């Protein structure tokens, strides 16, 4: 296991991102039930919503291209 990322395969900048107090690494370990509860309770500002929409758009495009 990589001692720098502890096996997350994420750069330090990505590991530093937090959503509602949780790191990306923590969010990725949630069960589907826990994730549904977490995301349904999120309240984003207008600018945060724009950022989230852009990320979802780019992620969806990547999945469509690379499967």
PDB file of N, CA and C in Angstrom:
ATOM      1  N   UNK A   1       0.844  -1.182   0.000  1.00  0.00           N
ATOM      2  CA  UNK A   1       0.000   0.000   0.000  1.00  0.00           C
ATOM      3  C   UNK A   1       0.888   1.244   0.000  1.00  0.00           C
ATOM      4  N   UNK A   2       0.464   2.204  -0.755  1.00  0.00           N
ATOM      5  CA  UNK A   2       1.206   3.452  -0.857  1.00  0.00           C
ATOM      6  C   UNK A   2       1.151   4.189   0.486  1.00  0.00           C
ATOM      7  N   UNK A   3       2.306   4.526   1.058  1.00  0.00           N
ATOM      8  CA  UNK A   3       2.312   5.211   2.349  1.00  0.00           C
ATOM      9  C   UNK A   3       1.810   6.656   2.268  1.00  0.00           C
ATOM     10  N   UNK A   4       1.856   7.236   1.076  1.00  0.00           N
ATOM     11  CA  UNK A   4       1.416   8.619   0.939  1.00  0.00           C
ATOM     12  C   UNK A   4      -0.106   8.742   0.892  1.00  0.00           C
ATOM     13  N   UNK A   5      -0.750   7.857   0.114  1.00  0.00           N
ATOM     14  CA  UNK A   5      -2.204   7.976  -0.054  1.00  0.00           C
ATOM     15  C   UNK A   5      -2.981   6.910   0.718  1.00  0.00           C
ATOM     16  N   UNK A   6      -2.274   6.002   1.363  1.00  0.00           N
ATOM     17  CA  UNK A   6      -2.905   4.904   2.113  1.00  0.00           C
ATOM     18  C   UNK A   6      -3.866   4.080   1.255  1.00  0.00           C
ATOM     19  N   UNK A   7      -3.501   3.916  -0.019  1.00  0.00           N
ATOM     20  CA  UNK A   7      -4.285   3.075  -0.896  1.00  0.00           C
ATOM     21  C   UNK A   7      -5.490   3.728  -1.538  1.00  0.00           C
ATOM     22  N   UNK A   8      -5.687   5.023  -1.337  1.00  0.00           N
ATOM     23  CA  UNK A   8      -6.855   5.691  -1.917  1.00  0.00           C
ATOM     24  C   UNK A   8      -6.679   5.983  -3.401  1.00  0.00           C
ATOM     25  N   UNK A   9      -5.433   6.026  -3.848  1.00  0.00           N
ATOM     26  CA  UNK A   9      -5.098   6.359  -5.236  1.00  0.00           C
ATOM     27  C   UNK A   9      -5.501   7.790  -5.603  1.00  0.00           C
ATOM     28  N   UNK A  10      -5.556   8.644  -4.601  1.00  0.00           N
ATOM     29  CA  UNK A  10      -5.915  10.041  -4.813  1.00  0.00           C
ATOM     30  C   UNK A  10      -4.740  10.930  -4.419  1.00  0.00           C
ATOM     31  N   UNK A  11      -4.565  12.006  -5.173  1.00  0.00           N
ATOM     32  CA  UNK A  11      -3.537  12.985  -4.822  1.00  0.00           C
ATOM     33  C   UNK A  11      -3.949  13.716  -3.550  1.00  0.00           C
ATOM     34  N   UNK A  12      -2.989  14.351  -2.924  1.00  0.00           N
ATOM     35  CA  UNK A  12      -3.240  15.081  -1.673  1.00  0.00           C
ATOM     36  C   UNK A  12      -4.336  16.128  -1.853  1.00  0.00           C
ATOM     37  N   UNK A  13      -4.353  16.794  -3.011  1.00  0.00           N
ATOM     38  CA  UNK A  13      -5.369  17.823  -3.265  1.00  0.00           C
ATOM     39  C   UNK A  13      -6.777  17.215  -3.255  1.00  0.00           C
ATOM     40  N   UNK A  14      -6.931  16.052  -3.838  1.00  0.00           N
ATOM     41  CA  UNK A  14      -8.240  15.385  -3.868  1.00  0.00           C
ATOM     42  C   UNK A  14      -8.624  14.894  -2.473  1.00  0.00           C
ATOM     43  N   UNK A  15      -7.661  14.383  -1.742  1.00  0.00           N
ATOM     44  CA  UNK A  15      -7.949  13.892  -0.380  1.00  0.00           C
ATOM     45  C   UNK A  15      -8.307  15.028   0.563  1.00  0.00           C
ATOM     46  N   UNK A  16      -7.893  16.251   0.223  1.00  0.00           N
ATOM     47  CA  UNK A  16      -8.175  17.409   1.077  1.00  0.00           C
ATOM     48  C   UNK A  16      -9.583  17.964   0.877  1.00  0.00           C
ATOM     49  N   UNK A  17     -10.238  17.591  -0.211  1.00  0.00           N
ATOM     50  CA  UNK A  17     -11.592  18.092  -0.486  1.00  0.00           C
ATOM     51  C   UNK A  17     -12.565  17.518   0.527  1.00  0.00           C
ATOM     52  N   UNK A  18     -13.425  18.403   1.043  1.00  0.00           N
ATOM     53  CA  UNK A  18     -14.421  17.967   2.021  1.00  0.00           C
ATOM     54  C   UNK A  18     -15.801  18.399   1.546  1.00  0.00           C
ATOM     55  N   UNK A  19     -16.755  17.529   1.776  1.00  0.00           N
ATOM     56  CA  UNK A  19     -18.154  17.805   1.450  1.00  0.00           C
ATOM     57  C   UNK A  19     -18.940  17.586   2.733  1.00  0.00           C
ATOM     58  N   UNK A  20     -19.556  18.642   3.214  1.00  0.00           N
ATOM     59  CA  UNK A  20     -20.323  18.588   4.462  1.00  0.00           C
ATOM     60  C   UNK A  20     -19.506  17.944   5.586  1.00  0.00           C
ATOM     61  N   UNK A  21     -18.221  18.320   5.650  1.00  0.00           N
ATOM     62  CA  UNK A  21     -17.361  17.860   6.727  1.00  0.00           C
ATOM     63  C   UNK A  21     -16.729  16.493   6.525  1.00  0.00           C
ATOM     64  N   UNK A  22     -17.044  15.817   5.422  1.00  0.00           N
ATOM     65  CA  UNK A  22     -16.476  14.491   5.162  1.00  0.00           C
ATOM     66  C   UNK A  22     -15.518  14.565   3.977  1.00  0.00           C
ATOM     67  N   UNK A  23     -14.444  13.792   4.074  1.00  0.00           N
ATOM     68  CA  UNK A  23     -13.495  13.749   2.962  1.00  0.00           C
ATOM     69  C   UNK A  23     -14.034  12.862   1.853  1.00  0.00           C
ATOM     70  N   UNK A  24     -13.480  13.037   0.676  1.00  0.00           N
ATOM     71  CA  UNK A  24     -13.858  12.211  -0.470  1.00  0.00           C
ATOM     72  C   UNK A  24     -13.625  10.738  -0.126  1.00  0.00           C
ATOM     73  N   UNK A  25     -12.521  10.457   0.552  1.00  0.00           N
ATOM     74  CA  UNK A  25     -12.208   9.084   0.947  1.00  0.00           C
ATOM     75  C   UNK A  25     -13.300   8.521   1.848  1.00  0.00           C
ATOM     76  N   UNK A  26     -13.752   9.286   2.818  1.00  0.00           N
ATOM     77  CA  UNK A  26     -14.826   8.841   3.713  1.00  0.00           C
ATOM     78  C   UNK A  26     -16.117   8.596   2.937  1.00  0.00           C
ATOM     79  N   UNK A  27     -16.441   9.495   2.031  1.00  0.00           N
ATOM     80  CA  UNK A  27     -17.679   9.379   1.258  1.00  0.00           C
ATOM     81  C   UNK A  27     -17.661   8.107   0.407  1.00  0.00           C
ATOM     82  N   UNK A  28     -16.508   7.785  -0.146  1.00  0.00           N
ATOM     83  CA  UNK A  28     -16.406   6.589  -0.995  1.00  0.00           C
ATOM     84  C   UNK A  28     -16.589   5.291  -0.214  1.00  0.00           C
ATOM     85  N   UNK A  29     -16.446   5.325   1.093  1.00  0.00           N
ATOM     86  CA  UNK A  29     -16.618   4.110   1.888  1.00  0.00           C
ATOM     87  C   UNK A  29     -18.056   3.929   2.386  1.00  0.00           C
ATOM     88  N   UNK A  30     -18.925   4.900   2.106  1.00  0.00           N
ATOM     89  CA  UNK A  30     -20.314   4.796   2.551  1.00  0.00           C
ATOM     90  C   UNK A  30     -21.040   3.676   1.809  1.00  0.00           C
ATOM     91  N   UNK A  31     -21.964   3.027   2.503  1.00  0.00           N
ATOM     92  CA  UNK A  31     -22.834   2.075   1.828  1.00  0.00           C
ATOM     93  C   UNK A  31     -23.816   2.875   0.971  1.00  0.00           C
ATOM     94  N   UNK A  32     -24.537   2.206   0.101  1.00  0.00           N
ATOM     95  CA  UNK A  32     -25.523   2.899  -0.732  1.00  0.00           C
ATOM     96  C   UNK A  32     -26.566   3.576   0.148  1.00  0.00           C
ATOM     97  N   UNK A  33     -27.007   2.903   1.164  1.00  0.00           N
ATOM     98  CA  UNK A  33     -28.017   3.461   2.077  1.00  0.00           C
ATOM     99  C   UNK A  33     -27.474   4.709   2.784  1.00  0.00           C
ATOM    100  N   UNK A  34     -26.232   4.615   3.265  1.00  0.00           N
ATOM    101  CA  UNK A  34     -25.613   5.753   3.944  1.00  0.00           C
ATOM    102  C   UNK A  34     -25.386   6.917   2.972  1.00  0.00           C
ATOM    103  N   UNK A  35     -24.952   6.604   1.763  1.00  0.00           N
ATOM    104  CA  UNK A  35     -24.701   7.643   0.756  1.00  0.00           C
ATOM    105  C   UNK A  35     -26.001   8.341   0.373  1.00  0.00           C
ATOM    106  N   UNK A  36     -27.058   7.573   0.211  1.00  0.00           N
ATOM    107  CA  UNK A  36     -28.357   8.174  -0.138  1.00  0.00           C
ATOM    108  C   UNK A  36     -28.772   9.166   0.953  1.00  0.00           C
ATOM    109  N   UNK A  37     -28.636   8.761   2.202  1.00  0.00           N
ATOM    110  CA  UNK A  37     -29.003   9.640   3.321  1.00  0.00           C
ATOM    111  C   UNK A  37     -28.102  10.881   3.333  1.00  0.00           C
ATOM    112  N   UNK A  38     -26.807  10.669   3.148  1.00  0.00           N
ATOM    113  CA  UNK A  38     -25.848  11.772   3.167  1.00  0.00           C
ATOM    114  C   UNK A  38     -26.157  12.782   2.066  1.00  0.00           C
ATOM    115  N   UNK A  39     -26.294  12.311   0.824  1.00  0.00           N
ATOM    116  CA  UNK A  39     -26.493  13.221  -0.302  1.00  0.00           C
ATOM    117  C   UNK A  39     -27.885  13.855  -0.314  1.00  0.00           C
ATOM    118  N   UNK A  40     -28.882  13.142   0.163  1.00  0.00           N
ATOM    119  CA  UNK A  40     -30.226  13.735   0.174  1.00  0.00           C
ATOM    120  C   UNK A  40     -30.329  14.853   1.209  1.00  0.00           C
ATOM    121  N   UNK A  41     -29.453  14.831   2.203  1.00  0.00           N
ATOM    122  CA  UNK A  41     -29.464  15.863   3.229  1.00  0.00           C
ATOM    123  C   UNK A  41     -28.575  17.059   2.923  1.00  0.00           C
ATOM    124  N   UNK A  42     -27.834  16.985   1.829  1.00  0.00           N
ATOM    125  CA  UNK A  42     -26.931  18.083   1.483  1.00  0.00           C
ATOM    126  C   UNK A  42     -27.705  19.331   1.079  1.00  0.00           C
ATOM    127  N   UNK A  43     -27.247  20.447   1.557  1.00  0.00           N
ATOM    128  CA  UNK A  43     -27.807  21.729   1.149  1.00  0.00           C
ATOM    129  C   UNK A  43     -26.652  22.556   0.603  1.00  0.00           C
ATOM    130  N   UNK A  44     -26.709  22.817  -0.683  1.00  0.00           N
ATOM    131  CA  UNK A  44     -25.628  23.530  -1.352  1.00  0.00           C
ATOM    132  C   UNK A  44     -26.047  24.947  -1.706  1.00  0.00           C
ATOM    133  N   UNK A  45     -25.067  25.834  -1.680  1.00  0.00           N
ATOM    134  CA  UNK A  45     -25.316  27.196  -2.151  1.00  0.00           C
ATOM    135  C   UNK A  45     -25.423  27.151  -3.671  1.00  0.00           C
ATOM    136  N   UNK A  46     -25.800  28.254  -4.265  1.00  0.00           N
ATOM    137  CA  UNK A  46     -25.927  28.320  -5.722  1.00  0.00           C
ATOM    138  C   UNK A  46     -24.583  28.032  -6.400  1.00  0.00           C
ATOM    139  N   UNK A  47     -23.513  28.612  -5.875  1.00  0.00           N
ATOM    140  CA  UNK A  47     -22.195  28.381  -6.490  1.00  0.00           C
ATOM    141  C   UNK A  47     -21.732  26.941  -6.289  1.00  0.00           C
ATOM    142  N   UNK A  48     -22.017  26.359  -5.131  1.00  0.00           N
ATOM    143  CA  UNK A  48     -21.671  24.957  -4.897  1.00  0.00           C
ATOM    144  C   UNK A  48     -22.457  24.036  -5.835  1.00  0.00           C
ATOM    145  N   UNK A  49     -23.705  24.378  -6.096  1.00  0.00           N
ATOM    146  CA  UNK A  49     -24.532  23.586  -7.008  1.00  0.00           C
ATOM    147  C   UNK A  49     -23.960  23.627  -8.419  1.00  0.00           C
ATOM    148  N   UNK A  50     -23.491  24.797  -8.847  1.00  0.00           N
ATOM    149  CA  UNK A  50     -22.885  24.918 -10.178  1.00  0.00           C
ATOM    150  C   UNK A  50     -21.631  24.061 -10.285  1.00  0.00           C
ATOM    151  N   UNK A  51     -20.813  24.071  -9.243  1.00  0.00           N
ATOM    152  CA  UNK A  51     -19.597  23.255  -9.231  1.00  0.00           C
ATOM    153  C   UNK A  51     -19.965  21.769  -9.269  1.00  0.00           C
ATOM    154  N   UNK A  52     -20.923  21.368  -8.449  1.00  0.00           N
ATOM    155  CA  UNK A  52     -21.352  19.964  -8.398  1.00  0.00           C
ATOM    156  C   UNK A  52     -21.913  19.521  -9.742  1.00  0.00           C
ATOM    157  N   UNK A  53     -22.698  20.371 -10.375  1.00  0.00           N
ATOM    158  CA  UNK A  53     -23.260  20.044 -11.691  1.00  0.00           C
ATOM    159  C   UNK A  53     -22.146  19.819 -12.714  1.00  0.00           C
ATOM    160  N   UNK A  54     -21.125  20.651 -12.675  1.00  0.00           N
ATOM    161  CA  UNK A  54     -20.006  20.524 -13.611  1.00  0.00           C
ATOM    162  C   UNK A  54     -19.254  19.209 -13.366  1.00  0.00           C
ATOM    163  N   UNK A  55     -19.031  18.871 -12.110  1.00  0.00           N
ATOM    164  CA  UNK A  55     -18.341  17.619 -11.776  1.00  0.00           C
ATOM    165  C   UNK A  55     -19.159  16.433 -12.252  1.00  0.00           C
ATOM    166  N   UNK A  56     -20.463  16.451 -12.003  1.00  0.00           N
ATOM    167  CA  UNK A  56     -21.321  15.353 -12.436  1.00  0.00           C
ATOM    168  C   UNK A  56     -21.338  15.237 -13.954  1.00  0.00           C
ATOM    169  N   UNK A  57     -21.358  16.365 -14.633  1.00  0.00           N
ATOM    170  CA  UNK A  57     -21.342  16.373 -16.097  1.00  0.00           C
ATOM    171  C   UNK A  57     -20.055  15.738 -16.623  1.00  0.00           C
ATOM    172  N   UNK A  58     -18.920  16.140 -16.065  1.00  0.00           N
ATOM    173  CA  UNK A  58     -17.631  15.609 -16.498  1.00  0.00           C
ATOM    174  C   UNK A  58     -17.503  14.129 -16.157  1.00  0.00           C
ATOM    175  N   UNK A  59     -17.980  13.738 -14.980  1.00  0.00           N
ATOM    176  CA  UNK A  59     -17.917  12.339 -14.562  1.00  0.00           C
ATOM    177  C   UNK A  59     -18.796  11.479 -15.458  1.00  0.00           C
ATOM    178  N   UNK A  60     -19.987  11.950 -15.742  1.00  0.00           N
ATOM    179  CA  UNK A  60     -20.912  11.205 -16.612  1.00  0.00           C
ATOM    180  C   UNK A  60     -20.315  11.041 -18.007  1.00  0.00           C
ATOM    181  N   UNK A  61     -19.678  12.086 -18.499  1.00  0.00           N
ATOM    182  CA  UNK A  61     -19.053  12.032 -19.813  1.00  0.00           C
ATOM    183  C   UNK A  61     -17.920  11.012 -19.812  1.00  0.00           C
ATOM    184  N   UNK A  62     -17.126  11.002 -18.768  1.00  0.00           N
ATOM    185  CA  UNK A  62     -16.016  10.046 -18.672  1.00  0.00           C
ATOM    186  C   UNK A  62     -16.543   8.614 -18.647  1.00  0.00           C
ATOM    187  N   UNK A  63     -17.618   8.362 -17.893  1.00  0.00           N
ATOM    188  CA  UNK A  63     -18.200   7.030 -17.853  1.00  0.00           C
ATOM    189  C   UNK A  63     -18.755   6.633 -19.210  1.00  0.00           C
ATOM    190  N   UNK A  64     -19.351   7.586 -19.910  1.00  0.00           N
ATOM    191  CA  UNK A  64     -19.913   7.290 -21.228  1.00  0.00           C
ATOM    192  C   UNK A  64     -18.805   6.937 -22.231  1.00  0.00           C
ATOM    193  N   UNK A  65     -17.680   7.624 -22.126  1.00  0.00           N
ATOM    194  CA  UNK A  65     -16.575   7.399 -23.052  1.00  0.00           C
ATOM    195  C   UNK A  65     -15.797   6.129 -22.712  1.00  0.00           C
ATOM    196  N   UNK A  66     -15.460   5.983 -21.426  1.00  0.00           N
ATOM    197  CA  UNK A  66     -14.563   4.903 -21.013  1.00  0.00           C
ATOM    198  C   UNK A  66     -15.267   3.698 -20.391  1.00  0.00           C
ATOM    199  N   UNK A  67     -16.561   3.829 -20.159  1.00  0.00           N
ATOM    200  CA  UNK A  67     -17.326   2.696 -19.615  1.00  0.00           C
ATOM    201  C   UNK A  67     -17.112   2.514 -18.230  1.00  0.00           C
TER     202      UNK A  67
END
